[in-house]
PDB file of all heavy atoms in Angstrom:
ATOM      1  N   ALA A   1      98.348  53.755  84.710  1.00  0.00           N
ATOM      2  CA  ALA A   1      98.241  53.980  86.098  1.00  0.00           C
ATOM      3  C   ALA A   1      97.030  54.823  86.487  1.00  0.00           C
ATOM      4  O   ALA A   1      96.421  54.579  87.559  1.00  0.00           O
ATOM      5  CB  ALA A   1      99.489  54.648  86.578  1.00  0.00           C
ATOM      6  N   ASP A   2      96.615  55.737  85.676  1.00  0.00           N
ATOM      7  CA  ASP A   2      95.432  56.652  86.029  1.00  0.00           C
ATOM      8  C   ASP A   2      94.161  55.803  86.015  1.00  0.00           C
ATOM      9  O   ASP A   2      93.187  56.286  86.605  1.00  0.00           O
ATOM     10  CB  ASP A   2      95.363  57.812  85.005  1.00  0.00           C
ATOM     11  CG  ASP A   2      96.474  58.702  85.111  1.00  0.00           C
ATOM     12  OD1 ASP A   2      97.225  58.724  86.218  1.00  0.00           O
ATOM     13  OD2 ASP A   2      96.716  59.544  84.229  1.00  0.00           O
ATOM     14  N   LEU A   3      94.101  54.678  85.405  1.00  0.00           N
ATOM     15  CA  LEU A   3      92.824  53.985  85.429  1.00  0.00           C
ATOM     16  C   LEU A   3      92.587  53.296  86.817  1.00  0.00           C
ATOM     17  O   LEU A   3      91.393  52.914  87.102  1.00  0.00           O
ATOM     18  CB  LEU A   3      92.940  52.698  84.441  1.00  0.00           C
ATOM     19  CG  LEU A   3      92.926  53.132  82.942  1.00  0.00           C
ATOM     20  CD1 LEU A   3      93.111  51.972  82.010  1.00  0.00           C
ATOM     21  CD2 LEU A   3      91.597  53.854  82.564  1.00  0.00           C
ATOM     22  N   TYR A   4      93.604  53.138  87.597  1.00  0.00           N
ATOM     23  CA  TYR A   4      93.355  52.583  88.958  1.00  0.00           C
ATOM     24  C   TYR A   4      92.188  53.192  89.763  1.00  0.00           C
ATOM     25  O   TYR A   4      91.379  52.541  90.414  1.00  0.00           O
ATOM     26  CB  TYR A   4      94.642  52.624  89.691  1.00  0.00           C
ATOM     27  CG  TYR A   4      94.553  52.197  91.128  1.00  0.00           C
ATOM     28  CD1 TYR A   4      94.809  50.801  91.504  1.00  0.00           C
ATOM     29  CD2 TYR A   4      94.132  52.906  92.241  1.00  0.00           C
ATOM     30  CE1 TYR A   4      94.754  50.368  92.828  1.00  0.00           C
ATOM     31  CE2 TYR A   4      94.112  52.514  93.530  1.00  0.00           C
ATOM     32  CZ  TYR A   4      94.366  51.247  93.834  1.00  0.00           C
ATOM     33  OH  TYR A   4      94.250  50.734  95.053  1.00  0.00           O
ATOM     34  N   ILE A   5      92.193  54.566  89.709  1.00  0.00           N
ATOM     35  CA  ILE A   5      91.241  55.177  90.520  1.00  0.00           C
ATOM     36  C   ILE A   5      89.752  55.194  89.889  1.00  0.00           C
ATOM     37  O   ILE A   5      88.807  55.293  90.746  1.00  0.00           O
ATOM     38  CB  ILE A   5      91.664  56.730  90.852  1.00  0.00           C
ATOM     39  CG1 ILE A   5      90.912  57.355  91.960  1.00  0.00           C
ATOM     40  CG2 ILE A   5      91.462  57.485  89.508  1.00  0.00           C
ATOM     41  CD1 ILE A   5      91.242  56.780  93.202  1.00  0.00           C
ATOM     42  N   CYS A   6      89.679  55.105  88.647  1.00  0.00           N
ATOM     43  CA  CYS A   6      88.333  55.135  88.107  1.00  0.00           C
ATOM     44  C   CYS A   6      87.710  53.781  87.700  1.00  0.00           C
ATOM     45  O   CYS A   6      86.397  53.718  87.669  1.00  0.00           O
ATOM     46  CB  CYS A   6      88.362  56.097  86.801  1.00  0.00           C
ATOM     47  SG  CYS A   6      89.338  55.447  85.432  1.00  0.00           S
ATOM     48  N   GLU A   7      88.443  52.865  87.618  1.00  0.00           N
ATOM     49  CA  GLU A   7      87.855  51.575  87.238  1.00  0.00           C
ATOM     50  C   GLU A   7      86.897  50.958  88.184  1.00  0.00           C
ATOM     51  O   GLU A   7      85.816  50.478  87.830  1.00  0.00           O
ATOM     52  CB  GLU A   7      88.929  50.468  86.878  1.00  0.00           C
ATOM     53  CG  GLU A   7      88.358  49.161  86.184  1.00  0.00           C
ATOM     54  CD  GLU A   7      89.456  48.123  85.872  1.00  0.00           C
ATOM     55  OE1 GLU A   7      90.082  47.641  86.932  1.00  0.00           O
ATOM     56  OE2 GLU A   7      89.572  47.846  84.775  1.00  0.00           O
ATOM     57  N   PRO A   8      87.144  50.974  89.485  1.00  0.00           N
ATOM     58  CA  PRO A   8      86.084  50.575  90.423  1.00  0.00           C
ATOM     59  C   PRO A   8      84.706  51.270  90.250  1.00  0.00           C
ATOM     60  O   PRO A   8      83.711  50.664  90.469  1.00  0.00           O
ATOM     61  CB  PRO A   8      86.831  50.875  91.864  1.00  0.00           C
ATOM     62  CG  PRO A   8      88.197  50.789  91.542  1.00  0.00           C
ATOM     63  CD  PRO A   8      88.459  51.411  90.180  1.00  0.00           C
ATOM     64  N   GLU A   9      84.776  52.573  89.997  1.00  0.00           N
ATOM     65  CA  GLU A   9      83.618  53.263  89.768  1.00  0.00           C
ATOM     66  C   GLU A   9      82.855  52.872  88.552  1.00  0.00           C
ATOM     67  O   GLU A   9      81.692  52.694  88.454  1.00  0.00           O
ATOM     68  CB  GLU A   9      83.881  54.810  89.654  1.00  0.00           C
ATOM     69  CG  GLU A   9      84.656  55.407  90.769  1.00  0.00           C
ATOM     70  CD  GLU A   9      84.077  55.317  92.162  1.00  0.00           C
ATOM     71  OE1 GLU A   9      82.815  55.434  92.167  1.00  0.00           O
ATOM     72  OE2 GLU A   9      84.691  55.384  93.201  1.00  0.00           O
ATOM     73  N   LEU A  10      83.587  52.537  87.524  1.00  0.00           N
ATOM     74  CA  LEU A  10      83.044  52.015  86.203  1.00  0.00           C
ATOM     75  C   LEU A  10      82.404  50.588  86.424  1.00  0.00           C
ATOM     76  O   LEU A  10      81.329  50.350  85.928  1.00  0.00           O
ATOM     77  CB  LEU A  10      84.095  51.944  85.171  1.00  0.00           C
ATOM     78  CG  LEU A  10      84.672  53.294  84.763  1.00  0.00           C
ATOM     79  CD1 LEU A  10      85.917  52.965  83.728  1.00  0.00           C
ATOM     80  CD2 LEU A  10      83.702  54.169  84.024  1.00  0.00           C
ATOM     81  N   VAL A  11      83.060  49.711  87.242  1.00  0.00           N
ATOM     82  CA  VAL A  11      82.507  48.437  87.539  1.00  0.00           C
ATOM     83  C   VAL A  11      81.196  48.559  88.305  1.00  0.00           C
ATOM     84  O   VAL A  11      80.183  47.924  87.987  1.00  0.00           O
ATOM     85  CB  VAL A  11      83.624  47.540  88.248  1.00  0.00           C
ATOM     86  CG1 VAL A  11      82.857  46.282  88.755  1.00  0.00           C
ATOM     87  CG2 VAL A  11      84.757  47.331  87.374  1.00  0.00           C
ATOM     88  N   GLU A  12      81.216  49.519  89.311  1.00  0.00           N
ATOM     89  CA  GLU A  12      79.970  49.718  90.097  1.00  0.00           C
ATOM     90  C   GLU A  12      78.837  50.040  89.198  1.00  0.00           C
ATOM     91  O   GLU A  12      77.781  49.589  89.448  1.00  0.00           O
ATOM     92  CB  GLU A  12      80.327  50.789  91.142  1.00  0.00           C
ATOM     93  CG  GLU A  12      79.268  50.872  92.181  1.00  0.00           C
ATOM     94  CD  GLU A  12      79.677  51.916  93.258  1.00  0.00           C
ATOM     95  OE1 GLU A  12      80.120  53.005  93.054  1.00  0.00           O
ATOM     96  OE2 GLU A  12      79.491  51.440  94.473  1.00  0.00           O
ATOM     97  N   LYS A  13      79.128  50.993  88.155  1.00  0.00           N
ATOM     98  CA  LYS A  13      78.084  51.452  87.262  1.00  0.00           C
ATOM     99  C   LYS A  13      77.511  50.183  86.457  1.00  0.00           C
ATOM    100  O   LYS A  13      76.380  50.101  86.217  1.00  0.00           O
ATOM    101  CB  LYS A  13      78.615  52.596  86.402  1.00  0.00           C
ATOM    102  CG  LYS A  13      77.612  53.097  85.369  1.00  0.00           C
ATOM    103  CD  LYS A  13      76.461  53.861  86.158  1.00  0.00           C
ATOM    104  CE  LYS A  13      75.548  54.591  85.142  1.00  0.00           C
ATOM    105  NZ  LYS A  13      74.444  55.190  85.863  1.00  0.00           N
ATOM    106  N   VAL A  14      78.545  49.393  85.849  1.00  0.00           N
ATOM    107  CA  VAL A  14      78.049  48.258  85.115  1.00  0.00           C
ATOM    108  C   VAL A  14      77.220  47.335  85.893  1.00  0.00           C
ATOM    109  O   VAL A  14      76.162  46.863  85.428  1.00  0.00           O
ATOM    110  CB  VAL A  14      79.363  47.581  84.504  1.00  0.00           C
ATOM    111  CG1 VAL A  14      78.940  46.280  83.879  1.00  0.00           C
ATOM    112  CG2 VAL A  14      80.059  48.430  83.538  1.00  0.00           C
ATOM    113  N   VAL A  15      77.585  47.071  87.124  1.00  0.00           N
ATOM    114  CA  VAL A  15      76.807  46.214  87.988  1.00  0.00           C
ATOM    115  C   VAL A  15      75.425  46.713  88.216  1.00  0.00           C
ATOM    116  O   VAL A  15      74.444  45.913  88.192  1.00  0.00           O
ATOM    117  CB  VAL A  15      77.591  45.898  89.297  1.00  0.00           C
ATOM    118  CG1 VAL A  15      76.694  45.116  90.301  1.00  0.00           C
ATOM    119  CG2 VAL A  15      78.863  45.119  88.890  1.00  0.00           C
ATOM    120  N   SER A  16      75.307  48.009  88.462  1.00  0.00           N
ATOM    121  CA  SER A  16      73.921  48.681  88.792  1.00  0.00           C
ATOM    122  C   SER A  16      73.164  48.663  87.568  1.00  0.00           C
ATOM    123  O   SER A  16      71.836  48.821  87.744  1.00  0.00           O
ATOM    124  CB  SER A  16      74.222  50.072  89.198  1.00  0.00           C
ATOM    125  OG  SER A  16      74.633  50.934  88.183  1.00  0.00           O
ATOM    126  N   SER A  17      73.626  48.393  86.506  1.00  0.00           N
ATOM    127  CA  SER A  17      72.848  48.370  85.158  1.00  0.00           C
ATOM    128  C   SER A  17      71.920  47.123  85.132  1.00  0.00           C
ATOM    129  O   SER A  17      71.044  47.045  84.297  1.00  0.00           O
ATOM    130  CB  SER A  17      73.757  48.458  83.866  1.00  0.00           C
ATOM    131  OG  SER A  17      74.361  47.260  83.698  1.00  0.00           O
ATOM    132  N   GLY A  18      72.364  46.021  85.803  1.00  0.00           N
ATOM    133  CA  GLY A  18      71.572  44.744  85.764  1.00  0.00           C
ATOM    134  C   GLY A  18      72.162  43.798  84.819  1.00  0.00           C
ATOM    135  O   GLY A  18      71.715  42.711  84.775  1.00  0.00           O
ATOM    136  N   GLU A  19      73.064  44.252  84.023  1.00  0.00           N
ATOM    137  CA  GLU A  19      73.583  43.320  82.940  1.00  0.00           C
ATOM    138  C   GLU A  19      74.333  42.208  83.487  1.00  0.00           C
ATOM    139  O   GLU A  19      74.306  41.050  83.126  1.00  0.00           O
ATOM    140  CB  GLU A  19      74.434  44.051  81.986  1.00  0.00           C
ATOM    141  CG  GLU A  19      73.719  45.034  81.046  1.00  0.00           C
ATOM    142  CD  GLU A  19      74.641  45.697  80.059  1.00  0.00           C
ATOM    143  OE1 GLU A  19      75.772  45.396  79.867  1.00  0.00           O
ATOM    144  OE2 GLU A  19      74.101  46.549  79.287  1.00  0.00           O
ATOM    145  N   LEU A  20      75.115  42.431  84.611  1.00  0.00           N
ATOM    146  CA  LEU A  20      75.868  41.380  85.149  1.00  0.00           C
ATOM    147  C   LEU A  20      74.891  40.233  85.838  1.00  0.00           C
ATOM    148  O   LEU A  20      75.089  39.133  85.739  1.00  0.00           O
ATOM    149  CB  LEU A  20      76.787  41.981  86.345  1.00  0.00           C
ATOM    150  CG  LEU A  20      77.590  40.831  86.985  1.00  0.00           C
ATOM    151  CD1 LEU A  20      78.646  40.157  86.041  1.00  0.00           C
ATOM    152  CD2 LEU A  20      78.513  41.453  88.128  1.00  0.00           C
ATOM    153  N   ASP A  21      73.793  40.741  86.427  1.00  0.00           N
ATOM    154  CA  ASP A  21      72.785  39.736  86.994  1.00  0.00           C
ATOM    155  C   ASP A  21      72.207  38.967  85.908  1.00  0.00           C
ATOM    156  O   ASP A  21      72.092  37.653  86.003  1.00  0.00           O
ATOM    157  CB  ASP A  21      71.683  40.519  87.694  1.00  0.00           C
ATOM    158  CG  ASP A  21      72.091  41.250  88.856  1.00  0.00           C
ATOM    159  OD1 ASP A  21      73.084  40.743  89.525  1.00  0.00           O
ATOM    160  OD2 ASP A  21      71.390  42.152  89.289  1.00  0.00           O
ATOM    161  N   LYS A  22      71.949  39.526  84.708  1.00  0.00           N
ATOM    162  CA  LYS A  22      71.478  38.746  83.581  1.00  0.00           C
ATOM    163  C   LYS A  22      72.493  37.685  83.080  1.00  0.00           C
ATOM    164  O   LYS A  22      72.165  36.494  82.847  1.00  0.00           O
ATOM    165  CB  LYS A  22      71.109  39.624  82.454  1.00  0.00           C
ATOM    166  CG  LYS A  22      69.806  40.425  82.526  1.00  0.00           C
ATOM    167  CD  LYS A  22      69.531  41.233  81.264  1.00  0.00           C
ATOM    168  CE  LYS A  22      68.233  41.970  81.401  1.00  0.00           C
ATOM    169  NZ  LYS A  22      67.950  42.807  80.173  1.00  0.00           N
ATOM    170  N   GLY A  23      73.723  38.115  83.091  1.00  0.00           N
ATOM    171  CA  GLY A  23      74.786  37.273  82.604  1.00  0.00           C
ATOM    172  C   GLY A  23      75.032  36.071  83.528  1.00  0.00           C
ATOM    173  O   GLY A  23      75.266  34.963  83.075  1.00  0.00           O
ATOM    174  N   ILE A  24      75.022  36.384  84.776  1.00  0.00           N
ATOM    175  CA  ILE A  24      75.358  35.360  85.843  1.00  0.00           C
ATOM    176  C   ILE A  24      74.080  34.299  85.908  1.00  0.00           C
ATOM    177  O   ILE A  24      74.364  33.172  85.899  1.00  0.00           O
ATOM    178  CB  ILE A  24      75.522  35.875  87.286  1.00  0.00           C
ATOM    179  CG1 ILE A  24      76.894  36.698  87.192  1.00  0.00           C
ATOM    180  CG2 ILE A  24      75.506  34.826  88.347  1.00  0.00           C
ATOM    181  CD1 ILE A  24      77.226  37.352  88.514  1.00  0.00           C
ATOM    182  N   GLN A  25      72.880  34.846  85.794  1.00  0.00           N
ATOM    183  CA  GLN A  25      71.692  33.953  85.682  1.00  0.00           C
ATOM    184  C   GLN A  25      71.755  33.042  84.535  1.00  0.00           C
ATOM    185  O   GLN A  25      71.518  31.822  84.598  1.00  0.00           O
ATOM    186  CB  GLN A  25      70.325  34.781  85.653  1.00  0.00           C
ATOM    187  CG  GLN A  25      69.234  33.878  85.792  1.00  0.00           C
ATOM    188  CD  GLN A  25      69.176  33.175  87.158  1.00  0.00           C
ATOM    189  OE1 GLN A  25      69.330  33.679  88.299  1.00  0.00           O
ATOM    190  NE2 GLN A  25      68.981  31.796  86.987  1.00  0.00           N
ATOM    191  N   ALA A  26      72.197  33.535  83.276  1.00  0.00           N
ATOM    192  CA  ALA A  26      72.291  32.725  82.220  1.00  0.00           C
ATOM    193  C   ALA A  26      73.368  31.735  82.289  1.00  0.00           C
ATOM    194  O   ALA A  26      73.292  30.564  81.855  1.00  0.00           O
ATOM    195  CB  ALA A  26      72.607  33.698  80.928  1.00  0.00           C
ATOM    196  N   PHE A  27      74.405  32.127  82.970  1.00  0.00           N
ATOM    197  CA  PHE A  27      75.555  31.197  83.343  1.00  0.00           C
ATOM    198  C   PHE A  27      75.026  29.975  84.108  1.00  0.00           C
ATOM    199  O   PHE A  27      75.326  28.806  83.823  1.00  0.00           O
ATOM    200  CB  PHE A  27      76.636  31.887  84.060  1.00  0.00           C
ATOM    201  CG  PHE A  27      77.711  31.062  84.523  1.00  0.00           C
ATOM    202  CD1 PHE A  27      78.772  30.558  83.614  1.00  0.00           C
ATOM    203  CD2 PHE A  27      77.929  30.704  85.850  1.00  0.00           C
ATOM    204  CE1 PHE A  27      79.803  29.766  84.124  1.00  0.00           C
ATOM    205  CE2 PHE A  27      78.970  29.892  86.295  1.00  0.00           C
ATOM    206  CZ  PHE A  27      79.927  29.467  85.446  1.00  0.00           C
ATOM    207  N   TYR A  28      74.212  30.319  85.168  1.00  0.00           N
ATOM    208  CA  TYR A  28      73.630  29.308  86.065  1.00  0.00           C
ATOM    209  C   TYR A  28      72.691  28.331  85.025  1.00  0.00           C
ATOM    210  O   TYR A  28      72.654  27.131  85.322  1.00  0.00           O
ATOM    211  CB  TYR A  28      72.820  29.882  87.143  1.00  0.00           C
ATOM    212  CG  TYR A  28      73.606  30.634  88.151  1.00  0.00           C
ATOM    213  CD1 TYR A  28      73.165  31.636  88.831  1.00  0.00           C
ATOM    214  CD2 TYR A  28      74.985  30.257  88.494  1.00  0.00           C
ATOM    215  CE1 TYR A  28      73.882  32.390  89.809  1.00  0.00           C
ATOM    216  CE2 TYR A  28      75.661  30.913  89.428  1.00  0.00           C
ATOM    217  CZ  TYR A  28      75.155  32.022  90.147  1.00  0.00           C
ATOM    218  OH  TYR A  28      75.895  32.574  91.006  1.00  0.00           O
ATOM    219  N   ASP A  29      71.960  29.058  84.240  1.00  0.00           N
ATOM    220  CA  ASP A  29      70.947  28.208  83.499  1.00  0.00           C
ATOM    221  C   ASP A  29      71.616  27.638  82.287  1.00  0.00           C
ATOM    222  O   ASP A  29      70.799  26.873  81.526  1.00  0.00           O
ATOM    223  CB  ASP A  29      69.823  29.271  82.989  1.00  0.00           C
ATOM    224  CG  ASP A  29      69.057  29.844  84.167  1.00  0.00           C
ATOM    225  OD1 ASP A  29      69.102  29.195  85.273  1.00  0.00           O
ATOM    226  OD2 ASP A  29      68.398  30.899  83.969  1.00  0.00           O
ATOM    227  N   LYS A  30      72.843  27.929  82.010  1.00  0.00           N
ATOM    228  CA  LYS A  30      73.437  27.348  80.790  1.00  0.00           C
ATOM    229  C   LYS A  30      72.737  27.776  79.495  1.00  0.00           C
ATOM    230  O   LYS A  30      72.553  27.000  78.547  1.00  0.00           O
ATOM    231  CB  LYS A  30      73.611  25.857  80.828  1.00  0.00           C
ATOM    232  CG  LYS A  30      74.459  25.284  82.002  1.00  0.00           C
ATOM    233  CD  LYS A  30      74.627  23.740  82.013  1.00  0.00           C
ATOM    234  CE  LYS A  30      75.293  23.312  83.228  1.00  0.00           C
ATOM    235  NZ  LYS A  30      76.498  23.965  83.608  1.00  0.00           N
ATOM    236  N   SER A  31      72.408  28.998  79.550  1.00  0.00           N
ATOM    237  CA  SER A  31      71.687  29.675  78.360  1.00  0.00           C
ATOM    238  C   SER A  31      72.349  30.844  77.865  1.00  0.00           C
ATOM    239  O   SER A  31      73.484  31.324  78.426  1.00  0.00           O
ATOM    240  CB  SER A  31      70.310  29.991  78.784  1.00  0.00           C
ATOM    241  OG  SER A  31      70.233  31.064  79.839  1.00  0.00           O
TER     242      SER A  31
END
């Protein structure tokens, strides 16, 4: 239950790292 409040902040941090952009671009490129 305690993860509810912190997980959105963790996701925001992961997204700001740029890794999700790389992953999605590779998904589009099938690479």
